[in-house]
Amino acid sequence: MEIEIDFTKSAQKNADEYFERSKKAKRKAEGAEKAAKDLEATLEKLEGKVISKKDMKTVEKKEWYEKFNWFFTSDGSLAIGGRSADQNDELYSKYFENNDLFFHSDIFGASAVILKNGTGSSREIREETAQFAGSFSSAWENSQTTVDVYSLKKEQVTKSKNEGALGKGSFLLKGEREWYRNVPLELVAFFNEKIKKVEIAPSRTCQKLEIKKSVLLTVGKTKKSDAAKYIAKSLDYNNIDYVMQHIPTGPFSLKKSG
């Protein structure tokens, strides 16, 4: 062990300095020992703790179509609908392809719905999509129970002949339309095991699927926020906001099954 002596100071001064250094070192050692014991105690507590699902914050993977209203038909085709005028325009400009079909309710204020590869679909699949389009229209908010819906091919739908002639979410339609009369406004909420999210689909679709637990949505008197909470609780799903975003605007009647 080497000891440094300052010969400019007296022996007593050198001894006093080493005494002070030894006290500081002792305090540091005691502090480190206490910190080590506290850390050990914390680790023991964590080892014995069972973390519940509510304690865990998971980041849900989001598919591209989830920012829209969406559902999968009974044959697995994807249908997507705009949740705003801006989204209606986005659907048209980015996702509406030649083999798709365009659906819209015969009422002011409705979602533009695109059935991917819809031109080759059966009448049954188109009726499912028409029910979805009808449910996401102002008809629900107006407490209607049915609404007429039509569909068109890509070449029959344009934004406008002149740039800026039509407002957001508006389209110029031409040619003969395929009609779906008196479409009932009925949706079903259920947990899609494949993507681990709640799916809101037309009742016509869900009649053909094997679903263990679901909630039937029709026009009623329950406000939207309460309906979202009920659906989330009934399906053991924590993301109430996600449900809120994907159900129509308006009052609800809810019936749980399974």
C-alpha atoms as a PDB file:
ATOM      1  CA  MET A   1       0.000   0.000   0.000  1.00  0.00           C
ATOM      2  CA  GLU A   2       1.426   3.402  -0.994  1.00  0.00           C
ATOM      3  CA  ILE A   3       0.792   6.534   1.043  1.00  0.00           C
ATOM      4  CA  GLU A   4       1.425   9.962  -0.376  1.00  0.00           C
ATOM      5  CA  ILE A   5       2.900  12.514   2.036  1.00  0.00           C
ATOM      6  CA  ASP A   6       2.739  16.256   1.385  1.00  0.00           C
ATOM      7  CA  PHE A   7       6.054  17.507   2.829  1.00  0.00           C
ATOM      8  CA  THR A   8       4.830  21.094   2.684  1.00  0.00           C
ATOM      9  CA  LYS A   9       2.371  20.229   5.467  1.00  0.00           C
ATOM     10  CA  SER A  10       2.903  19.052   8.998  1.00  0.00           C
ATOM     11  CA  ALA A  11       2.510  15.424  10.037  1.00  0.00           C
ATOM     12  CA  GLN A  12      -0.714  16.333  11.846  1.00  0.00           C
ATOM     13  CA  LYS A  13      -2.122  18.016   8.699  1.00  0.00           C
ATOM     14  CA  ASN A  14      -1.333  14.921   6.590  1.00  0.00           C
ATOM     15  CA  ALA A  15      -2.932  12.677   9.211  1.00  0.00           C
ATOM     16  CA  ASP A  16      -6.086  14.842   9.326  1.00  0.00           C
ATOM     17  CA  GLU A  17      -6.474  14.719   5.511  1.00  0.00           C
ATOM     18  CA  TYR A  18      -6.157  10.909   5.430  1.00  0.00           C
ATOM     19  CA  PHE A  19      -8.692  10.665   8.235  1.00  0.00           C
ATOM     20  CA  GLU A  20     -11.210  12.746   6.232  1.00  0.00           C
ATOM     21  CA  ARG A  21     -10.585  10.635   3.113  1.00  0.00           C
ATOM     22  CA  SER A  22     -11.173   7.453   5.085  1.00  0.00           C
ATOM     23  CA  LYS A  23     -14.503   8.782   6.418  1.00  0.00           C
ATOM     24  CA  LYS A  24     -15.685   9.690   2.874  1.00  0.00           C
ATOM     25  CA  ALA A  25     -14.681   6.265   1.550  1.00  0.00           C
ATOM     26  CA  LYS A  26     -16.543   4.596   4.395  1.00  0.00           C
ATOM     27  CA  ARG A  27     -19.722   6.608   3.656  1.00  0.00           C
ATOM     28  CA  LYS A  28     -19.520   5.679  -0.051  1.00  0.00           C
ATOM     29  CA  ALA A  29     -19.089   2.020   0.799  1.00  0.00           C
ATOM     30  CA  GLU A  30     -22.088   2.112   3.140  1.00  0.00           C
ATOM     31  CA  GLY A  31     -24.178   3.851   0.448  1.00  0.00           C
ATOM     32  CA  ALA A  32     -23.245   1.257  -2.166  1.00  0.00           C
ATOM     33  CA  GLU A  33     -24.089  -1.563   0.214  1.00  0.00           C
ATOM     34  CA  LYS A  34     -27.528  -0.024   0.942  1.00  0.00           C
ATOM     35  CA  ALA A  35     -28.235   0.465  -2.793  1.00  0.00           C
ATOM     36  CA  ALA A  36     -27.308  -3.167  -3.465  1.00  0.00           C
ATOM     37  CA  LYS A  37     -29.675  -4.368  -0.713  1.00  0.00           C
ATOM     38  CA  ASP A  38     -32.530  -2.167  -2.025  1.00  0.00           C
ATOM     39  CA  LEU A  39     -32.027  -3.522  -5.551  1.00  0.00           C
ATOM     40  CA  GLU A  40     -32.029  -7.089  -4.282  1.00  0.00           C
ATOM     41  CA  ALA A  41     -35.288  -6.501  -2.382  1.00  0.00           C
ATOM     42  CA  THR A  42     -36.930  -4.953  -5.485  1.00  0.00           C
ATOM     43  CA  LEU A  43     -35.913  -7.913  -7.655  1.00  0.00           C
ATOM     44  CA  GLU A  44     -37.361 -10.350  -5.107  1.00  0.00           C
ATOM     45  CA  LYS A  45     -40.696  -8.497  -5.229  1.00  0.00           C
ATOM     46  CA  LEU A  46     -40.759  -8.546  -9.041  1.00  0.00           C
ATOM     47  CA  GLU A  47     -39.991 -12.257  -9.168  1.00  0.00           C
ATOM     48  CA  GLY A  48     -43.006 -12.989  -7.018  1.00  0.00           C
ATOM     49  CA  LYS A  49     -45.384 -10.670  -8.870  1.00  0.00           C
ATOM     50  CA  VAL A  50     -47.819 -12.031 -11.474  1.00  0.00           C
ATOM     51  CA  ILE A  51     -48.364  -9.388 -14.174  1.00  0.00           C
ATOM     52  CA  SER A  52     -51.973  -9.276 -15.420  1.00  0.00           C
ATOM     53  CA  LYS A  53     -53.097  -8.432 -18.967  1.00  0.00           C
ATOM     54  CA  LYS A  54     -54.326  -5.057 -17.714  1.00  0.00           C
ATOM     55  CA  ASP A  55     -50.792  -4.218 -16.484  1.00  0.00           C
ATOM     56  CA  MET A  56     -49.322  -4.942 -19.910  1.00  0.00           C
ATOM     57  CA  LYS A  57     -49.482  -2.278 -22.603  1.00  0.00           C
ATOM     58  CA  THR A  58     -49.290  -3.988 -25.972  1.00  0.00           C
ATOM     59  CA  VAL A  59     -48.792  -2.269 -29.287  1.00  0.00           C
ATOM     60  CA  GLU A  60     -51.386  -3.614 -31.715  1.00  0.00           C
ATOM     61  CA  LYS A  61     -50.261  -4.236 -35.258  1.00  0.00           C
ATOM     62  CA  LYS A  62     -52.457  -2.269 -37.647  1.00  0.00           C
ATOM     63  CA  GLU A  63     -53.310  -3.360 -41.179  1.00  0.00           C
ATOM     64  CA  TRP A  64     -53.534  -0.667 -43.873  1.00  0.00           C
ATOM     65  CA  TYR A  65     -57.314  -1.004 -44.260  1.00  0.00           C
ATOM     66  CA  GLU A  66     -58.053  -0.477 -40.553  1.00  0.00           C
ATOM     67  CA  LYS A  67     -58.024   3.286 -40.873  1.00  0.00           C
ATOM     68  CA  PHE A  68     -61.253   2.862 -42.901  1.00  0.00           C
ATOM     69  CA  ASN A  69     -64.512   1.086 -42.108  1.00  0.00           C
ATOM     70  CA  TRP A  70     -63.846  -2.482 -43.183  1.00  0.00           C
ATOM     71  CA  PHE A  71     -65.060  -6.078 -43.161  1.00  0.00           C
ATOM     72  CA  PHE A  72     -64.396  -9.395 -44.882  1.00  0.00           C
ATOM     73  CA  THR A  73     -67.299 -10.880 -46.842  1.00  0.00           C
ATOM     74  CA  SER A  74     -68.351 -14.485 -46.299  1.00  0.00           C
ATOM     75  CA  ASP A  75     -66.097 -15.546 -49.182  1.00  0.00           C
ATOM     76  CA  GLY A  76     -63.117 -13.635 -47.744  1.00  0.00           C
ATOM     77  CA  SER A  77     -63.202 -10.545 -49.980  1.00  0.00           C
ATOM     78  CA  LEU A  78     -62.253  -7.225 -48.429  1.00  0.00           C
ATOM     79  CA  ALA A  79     -64.669  -4.284 -48.397  1.00  0.00           C
ATOM     80  CA  ILE A  80     -63.515  -0.865 -47.226  1.00  0.00           C
ATOM     81  CA  GLY A  81     -65.499   2.327 -46.635  1.00  0.00           C
ATOM     82  CA  GLY A  82     -64.580   5.940 -46.007  1.00  0.00           C
ATOM     83  CA  ARG A  83     -65.173   7.350 -42.523  1.00  0.00           C
ATOM     84  CA  SER A  84     -65.130  10.927 -43.793  1.00  0.00           C
ATOM     85  CA  ALA A  85     -65.304  12.915 -47.030  1.00  0.00           C
ATOM     86  CA  ASP A  86     -61.500  12.979 -47.131  1.00  0.00           C
ATOM     87  CA  GLN A  87     -61.362   9.206 -46.781  1.00  0.00           C
ATOM     88  CA  ASN A  88     -63.981   8.775 -49.510  1.00  0.00           C
ATOM     89  CA  ASP A  89     -61.661  10.711 -51.826  1.00  0.00           C
ATOM     90  CA  GLU A  90     -58.656   8.696 -50.657  1.00  0.00           C
ATOM     91  CA  LEU A  91     -60.443   5.421 -51.372  1.00  0.00           C
ATOM     92  CA  TYR A  92     -61.248   6.592 -54.877  1.00  0.00           C
ATOM     93  CA  SER A  93     -57.766   7.899 -55.686  1.00  0.00           C
ATOM     94  CA  LYS A  94     -55.626   5.189 -54.054  1.00  0.00           C
ATOM     95  CA  TYR A  95     -57.596   1.969 -53.679  1.00  0.00           C
ATOM     96  CA  PHE A  96     -60.364   1.865 -56.325  1.00  0.00           C
ATOM     97  CA  GLU A  97     -59.156  -0.513 -59.057  1.00  0.00           C
ATOM     98  CA  ASN A  98     -60.690  -1.741 -62.314  1.00  0.00           C
ATOM     99  CA  ASN A  99     -62.045  -5.016 -60.898  1.00  0.00           C
ATOM    100  CA  ASP A 100     -63.616  -3.364 -57.846  1.00  0.00           C
ATOM    101  CA  LEU A 101     -67.202  -2.256 -57.275  1.00  0.00           C
ATOM    102  CA  PHE A 102     -68.310   1.069 -55.806  1.00  0.00           C
ATOM    103  CA  PHE A 103     -71.256   1.051 -53.338  1.00  0.00           C
ATOM    104  CA  HIS A 104     -73.183   4.030 -51.998  1.00  0.00           C
ATOM    105  CA  SER A 105     -76.485   4.531 -50.194  1.00  0.00           C
ATOM    106  CA  ASP A 106     -79.206   6.474 -51.965  1.00  0.00           C
ATOM    107  CA  ILE A 107     -79.125   9.207 -49.325  1.00  0.00           C
ATOM    108  CA  PHE A 108     -77.130  12.351 -48.657  1.00  0.00           C
ATOM    109  CA  GLY A 109     -74.278  11.622 -46.258  1.00  0.00           C
ATOM    110  CA  ALA A 110     -72.911   8.120 -46.728  1.00  0.00           C
ATOM    111  CA  SER A 111     -69.697   6.156 -46.826  1.00  0.00           C
ATOM    112  CA  ALA A 112     -68.219   5.324 -50.223  1.00  0.00           C
ATOM    113  CA  VAL A 113     -67.585   1.572 -50.016  1.00  0.00           C
ATOM    114  CA  ILE A 114     -65.245  -0.375 -52.294  1.00  0.00           C
ATOM    115  CA  LEU A 115     -65.599  -4.156 -52.710  1.00  0.00           C
ATOM    116  CA  LYS A 116     -62.214  -5.428 -53.848  1.00  0.00           C
ATOM    117  CA  ASN A 117     -62.511  -7.668 -56.949  1.00  0.00           C
ATOM    118  CA  GLY A 118     -66.243  -7.062 -56.754  1.00  0.00           C
ATOM    119  CA  THR A 119     -66.971  -7.351 -60.484  1.00  0.00           C
ATOM    120  CA  GLY A 120     -66.553 -11.120 -60.271  1.00  0.00           C
ATOM    121  CA  SER A 121     -68.532 -11.530 -57.038  1.00  0.00           C
ATOM    122  CA  SER A 122     -71.895 -13.237 -56.632  1.00  0.00           C
ATOM    123  CA  ARG A 123     -75.123 -11.358 -55.946  1.00  0.00           C
ATOM    124  CA  GLU A 124     -75.012 -12.638 -52.343  1.00  0.00           C
ATOM    125  CA  ILE A 125     -71.605 -11.062 -51.723  1.00  0.00           C
ATOM    126  CA  ARG A 126     -72.738  -7.799 -53.284  1.00  0.00           C
ATOM    127  CA  GLU A 127     -75.809  -7.813 -51.029  1.00  0.00           C
ATOM    128  CA  GLU A 128     -73.552  -8.216 -48.000  1.00  0.00           C
ATOM    129  CA  THR A 129     -71.531  -5.194 -49.102  1.00  0.00           C
ATOM    130  CA  ALA A 130     -74.701  -3.197 -49.807  1.00  0.00           C
ATOM    131  CA  GLN A 131     -75.861  -3.829 -46.242  1.00  0.00           C
ATOM    132  CA  PHE A 132     -72.511  -2.593 -44.948  1.00  0.00           C
ATOM    133  CA  ALA A 133     -72.711   0.546 -47.108  1.00  0.00           C
ATOM    134  CA  GLY A 134     -76.300   1.203 -46.014  1.00  0.00           C
ATOM    135  CA  SER A 135     -75.418   0.862 -42.339  1.00  0.00           C
ATOM    136  CA  PHE A 136     -72.603   3.408 -42.642  1.00  0.00           C
ATOM    137  CA  SER A 137     -74.819   6.197 -43.902  1.00  0.00           C
ATOM    138  CA  SER A 138     -76.887   8.978 -42.409  1.00  0.00           C
ATOM    139  CA  ALA A 139     -79.838   6.553 -42.516  1.00  0.00           C
ATOM    140  CA  TRP A 140     -78.599   5.061 -39.222  1.00  0.00           C
ATOM    141  CA  GLU A 141     -78.247   8.466 -37.606  1.00  0.00           C
ATOM    142  CA  ASN A 142     -81.743   9.326 -38.843  1.00  0.00           C
ATOM    143  CA  SER A 143     -83.063   6.183 -37.087  1.00  0.00           C
ATOM    144  CA  GLN A 144     -84.186   4.571 -40.338  1.00  0.00           C
ATOM    145  CA  THR A 145     -84.341   0.786 -40.412  1.00  0.00           C
ATOM    146  CA  THR A 146     -83.767   0.353 -44.167  1.00  0.00           C
ATOM    147  CA  VAL A 147     -82.238   2.264 -47.065  1.00  0.00           C
ATOM    148  CA  ASP A 148     -81.699   1.744 -50.805  1.00  0.00           C
ATOM    149  CA  VAL A 149     -78.129   1.149 -51.997  1.00  0.00           C
ATOM    150  CA  TYR A 150     -76.586   0.958 -55.475  1.00  0.00           C
ATOM    151  CA  SER A 151     -73.300  -0.240 -56.959  1.00  0.00           C
ATOM    152  CA  LEU A 152     -71.255   0.838 -59.992  1.00  0.00           C
ATOM    153  CA  LYS A 153     -68.122  -0.241 -61.823  1.00  0.00           C
ATOM    154  CA  LYS A 154     -64.893   1.755 -61.895  1.00  0.00           C
ATOM    155  CA  GLU A 155     -65.514   3.304 -65.316  1.00  0.00           C
ATOM    156  CA  GLN A 156     -68.879   4.652 -64.104  1.00  0.00           C
ATOM    157  CA  VAL A 157     -67.415   6.707 -61.257  1.00  0.00           C
ATOM    158  CA  THR A 158     -65.279   9.845 -61.634  1.00  0.00           C
ATOM    159  CA  LYS A 159     -64.393  12.751 -59.393  1.00  0.00           C
ATOM    160  CA  SER A 160     -65.412  15.336 -61.982  1.00  0.00           C
ATOM    161  CA  LYS A 161     -64.941  16.400 -65.584  1.00  0.00           C
ATOM    162  CA  ASN A 162     -63.257  19.588 -64.450  1.00  0.00           C
ATOM    163  CA  GLU A 163     -60.727  19.774 -61.633  1.00  0.00           C
ATOM    164  CA  GLY A 164     -62.345  21.103 -58.450  1.00  0.00           C
ATOM    165  CA  ALA A 165     -65.916  21.008 -59.798  1.00  0.00           C
ATOM    166  CA  LEU A 166     -67.058  18.626 -57.059  1.00  0.00           C
ATOM    167  CA  GLY A 167     -66.592  18.922 -53.321  1.00  0.00           C
ATOM    168  CA  LYS A 168     -64.794  16.493 -51.017  1.00  0.00           C
ATOM    169  CA  GLY A 169     -66.270  13.010 -51.001  1.00  0.00           C
ATOM    170  CA  SER A 170     -68.500  13.709 -54.008  1.00  0.00           C
ATOM    171  CA  PHE A 171     -68.436  11.773 -57.267  1.00  0.00           C
ATOM    172  CA  LEU A 172     -69.826  12.002 -60.773  1.00  0.00           C
ATOM    173  CA  LEU A 173     -71.816   8.845 -61.566  1.00  0.00           C
ATOM    174  CA  LYS A 174     -72.903   7.644 -64.986  1.00  0.00           C
ATOM    175  CA  GLY A 175     -74.645   4.673 -66.541  1.00  0.00           C
ATOM    176  CA  GLU A 176     -77.022   2.090 -65.145  1.00  0.00           C
ATOM    177  CA  ARG A 177     -76.718   1.224 -61.471  1.00  0.00           C
ATOM    178  CA  GLU A 178     -77.304  -2.122 -59.778  1.00  0.00           C
ATOM    179  CA  TRP A 179     -79.873  -1.571 -57.037  1.00  0.00           C
ATOM    180  CA  TYR A 180     -80.363  -3.196 -53.626  1.00  0.00           C
ATOM    181  CA  ARG A 181     -83.733  -2.093 -52.305  1.00  0.00           C
ATOM    182  CA  ASN A 182     -84.815  -1.749 -48.663  1.00  0.00           C
ATOM    183  CA  VAL A 183     -81.503  -2.958 -47.262  1.00  0.00           C
ATOM    184  CA  PRO A 184     -81.866  -3.604 -43.495  1.00  0.00           C
ATOM    185  CA  LEU A 185     -79.490  -1.646 -41.254  1.00  0.00           C
ATOM    186  CA  GLU A 186     -77.975  -4.453 -39.194  1.00  0.00           C
ATOM    187  CA  LEU A 187     -74.385  -5.092 -38.185  1.00  0.00           C
ATOM    188  CA  VAL A 188     -72.662  -7.680 -36.010  1.00  0.00           C
ATOM    189  CA  ALA A 189     -69.592  -7.115 -33.852  1.00  0.00           C
ATOM    190  CA  PHE A 190     -67.325 -10.085 -33.143  1.00  0.00           C
ATOM    191  CA  PHE A 191     -63.683 -10.809 -32.398  1.00  0.00           C
ATOM    192  CA  ASN A 192     -61.679 -11.691 -35.492  1.00  0.00           C
ATOM    193  CA  GLU A 193     -59.145 -14.270 -34.280  1.00  0.00           C
ATOM    194  CA  LYS A 194     -56.988 -13.876 -37.384  1.00  0.00           C
ATOM    195  CA  ILE A 195     -56.061 -10.234 -36.834  1.00  0.00           C
ATOM    196  CA  LYS A 196     -56.965 -10.100 -33.112  1.00  0.00           C
ATOM    197  CA  LYS A 197     -59.365  -7.172 -33.516  1.00  0.00           C
ATOM    198  CA  VAL A 198     -63.096  -6.575 -33.253  1.00  0.00           C
ATOM    199  CA  GLU A 199     -64.696  -6.731 -36.696  1.00  0.00           C
ATOM    200  CA  ILE A 200     -67.950  -4.933 -37.521  1.00  0.00           C
ATOM    201  CA  ALA A 201     -69.648  -6.829 -40.353  1.00  0.00           C
ATOM    202  CA  PRO A 202     -73.139  -6.893 -41.910  1.00  0.00           C
ATOM    203  CA  SER A 203     -75.530  -9.418 -40.398  1.00  0.00           C
ATOM    204  CA  ARG A 204     -75.910 -11.118 -43.797  1.00  0.00           C
ATOM    205  CA  THR A 205     -72.226 -11.998 -43.692  1.00  0.00           C
ATOM    206  CA  CYS A 206     -72.243 -13.229 -40.121  1.00  0.00           C
ATOM    207  CA  GLN A 207     -75.161 -15.585 -40.750  1.00  0.00           C
ATOM    208  CA  LYS A 208     -72.753 -17.629 -42.882  1.00  0.00           C
ATOM    209  CA  LEU A 209     -69.880 -17.629 -40.381  1.00  0.00           C
ATOM    210  CA  GLU A 210     -69.285 -19.717 -37.276  1.00  0.00           C
ATOM    211  CA  ILE A 211     -69.042 -17.099 -34.540  1.00  0.00           C
ATOM    212  CA  LYS A 212     -68.972 -18.124 -30.867  1.00  0.00           C
ATOM    213  CA  LYS A 213     -69.649 -14.724 -29.340  1.00  0.00           C
ATOM    214  CA  SER A 214     -71.122 -11.622 -30.965  1.00  0.00           C
ATOM    215  CA  VAL A 215     -73.218  -8.484 -30.509  1.00  0.00           C
ATOM    216  CA  LEU A 216     -76.023  -7.599 -32.930  1.00  0.00           C
ATOM    217  CA  LEU A 217     -76.208  -3.866 -33.709  1.00  0.00           C
ATOM    218  CA  THR A 218     -79.443  -2.288 -34.920  1.00  0.00           C
ATOM    219  CA  VAL A 219     -80.923   1.201 -34.729  1.00  0.00           C
ATOM    220  CA  GLY A 220     -82.131   1.988 -31.209  1.00  0.00           C
ATOM    221  CA  LYS A 221     -81.762   4.497 -28.370  1.00  0.00           C
ATOM    222  CA  THR A 222     -78.350   3.742 -26.809  1.00  0.00           C
ATOM    223  CA  LYS A 223     -75.783   6.448 -27.541  1.00  0.00           C
ATOM    224  CA  LYS A 224     -72.642   5.564 -29.476  1.00  0.00           C
ATOM    225  CA  SER A 225     -70.137   5.823 -26.606  1.00  0.00           C
ATOM    226  CA  ASP A 226     -72.203   3.498 -24.389  1.00  0.00           C
ATOM    227  CA  ALA A 227     -72.639   1.086 -27.288  1.00  0.00           C
ATOM    228  CA  ALA A 228     -68.862   0.945 -27.825  1.00  0.00           C
ATOM    229  CA  LYS A 229     -68.283   0.183 -24.136  1.00  0.00           C
ATOM    230  CA  TYR A 230     -70.913  -2.560 -24.190  1.00  0.00           C
ATOM    231  CA  ILE A 231     -69.427  -4.168 -27.312  1.00  0.00           C
ATOM    232  CA  ALA A 232     -65.877  -4.061 -25.946  1.00  0.00           C
ATOM    233  CA  LYS A 233     -66.939  -5.565 -22.615  1.00  0.00           C
ATOM    234  CA  SER A 234     -69.098  -8.255 -24.243  1.00  0.00           C
ATOM    235  CA  LEU A 235     -66.241  -9.362 -26.486  1.00  0.00           C
ATOM    236  CA  ASP A 236     -63.499  -9.053 -23.812  1.00  0.00           C
ATOM    237  CA  TYR A 237     -61.728  -6.418 -25.886  1.00  0.00           C
ATOM    238  CA  ASN A 238     -59.852  -3.579 -24.172  1.00  0.00           C
ATOM    239  CA  ASN A 239     -59.652  -1.055 -27.017  1.00  0.00           C
ATOM    240  CA  ILE A 240     -62.926   0.869 -26.701  1.00  0.00           C
ATOM    241  CA  ASP A 241     -61.617   3.659 -28.944  1.00  0.00           C
ATOM    242  CA  TYR A 242     -61.107   1.182 -31.792  1.00  0.00           C
ATOM    243  CA  VAL A 243     -64.722   0.042 -31.498  1.00  0.00           C
ATOM    244  CA  MET A 244     -65.911   3.669 -31.384  1.00  0.00           C
ATOM    245  CA  GLN A 245     -64.088   4.401 -34.623  1.00  0.00           C
ATOM    246  CA  HIS A 246     -65.624   1.454 -36.473  1.00  0.00           C
ATOM    247  CA  ILE A 247     -69.326   1.622 -35.639  1.00  0.00           C
ATOM    248  CA  PRO A 248     -71.857   3.973 -37.309  1.00  0.00           C
ATOM    249  CA  THR A 249     -72.852   7.355 -35.980  1.00  0.00           C
ATOM    250  CA  GLY A 250     -76.234   7.285 -34.277  1.00  0.00           C
ATOM    251  CA  PRO A 251     -78.247   5.454 -31.595  1.00  0.00           C
ATOM    252  CA  PHE A 252     -78.042   1.697 -31.076  1.00  0.00           C
ATOM    253  CA  SER A 253     -79.959  -1.328 -29.938  1.00  0.00           C
ATOM    254  CA  LEU A 254     -77.620  -4.112 -28.802  1.00  0.00           C
ATOM    255  CA  LYS A 255     -78.151  -7.826 -28.375  1.00  0.00           C
ATOM    256  CA  LYS A 256     -75.420 -10.140 -27.159  1.00  0.00           C
ATOM    257  CA  SER A 257     -75.215 -13.797 -28.156  1.00  0.00           C
ATOM    258  CA  GLY A 258     -72.866 -16.618 -27.280  1.00  0.00           C
END
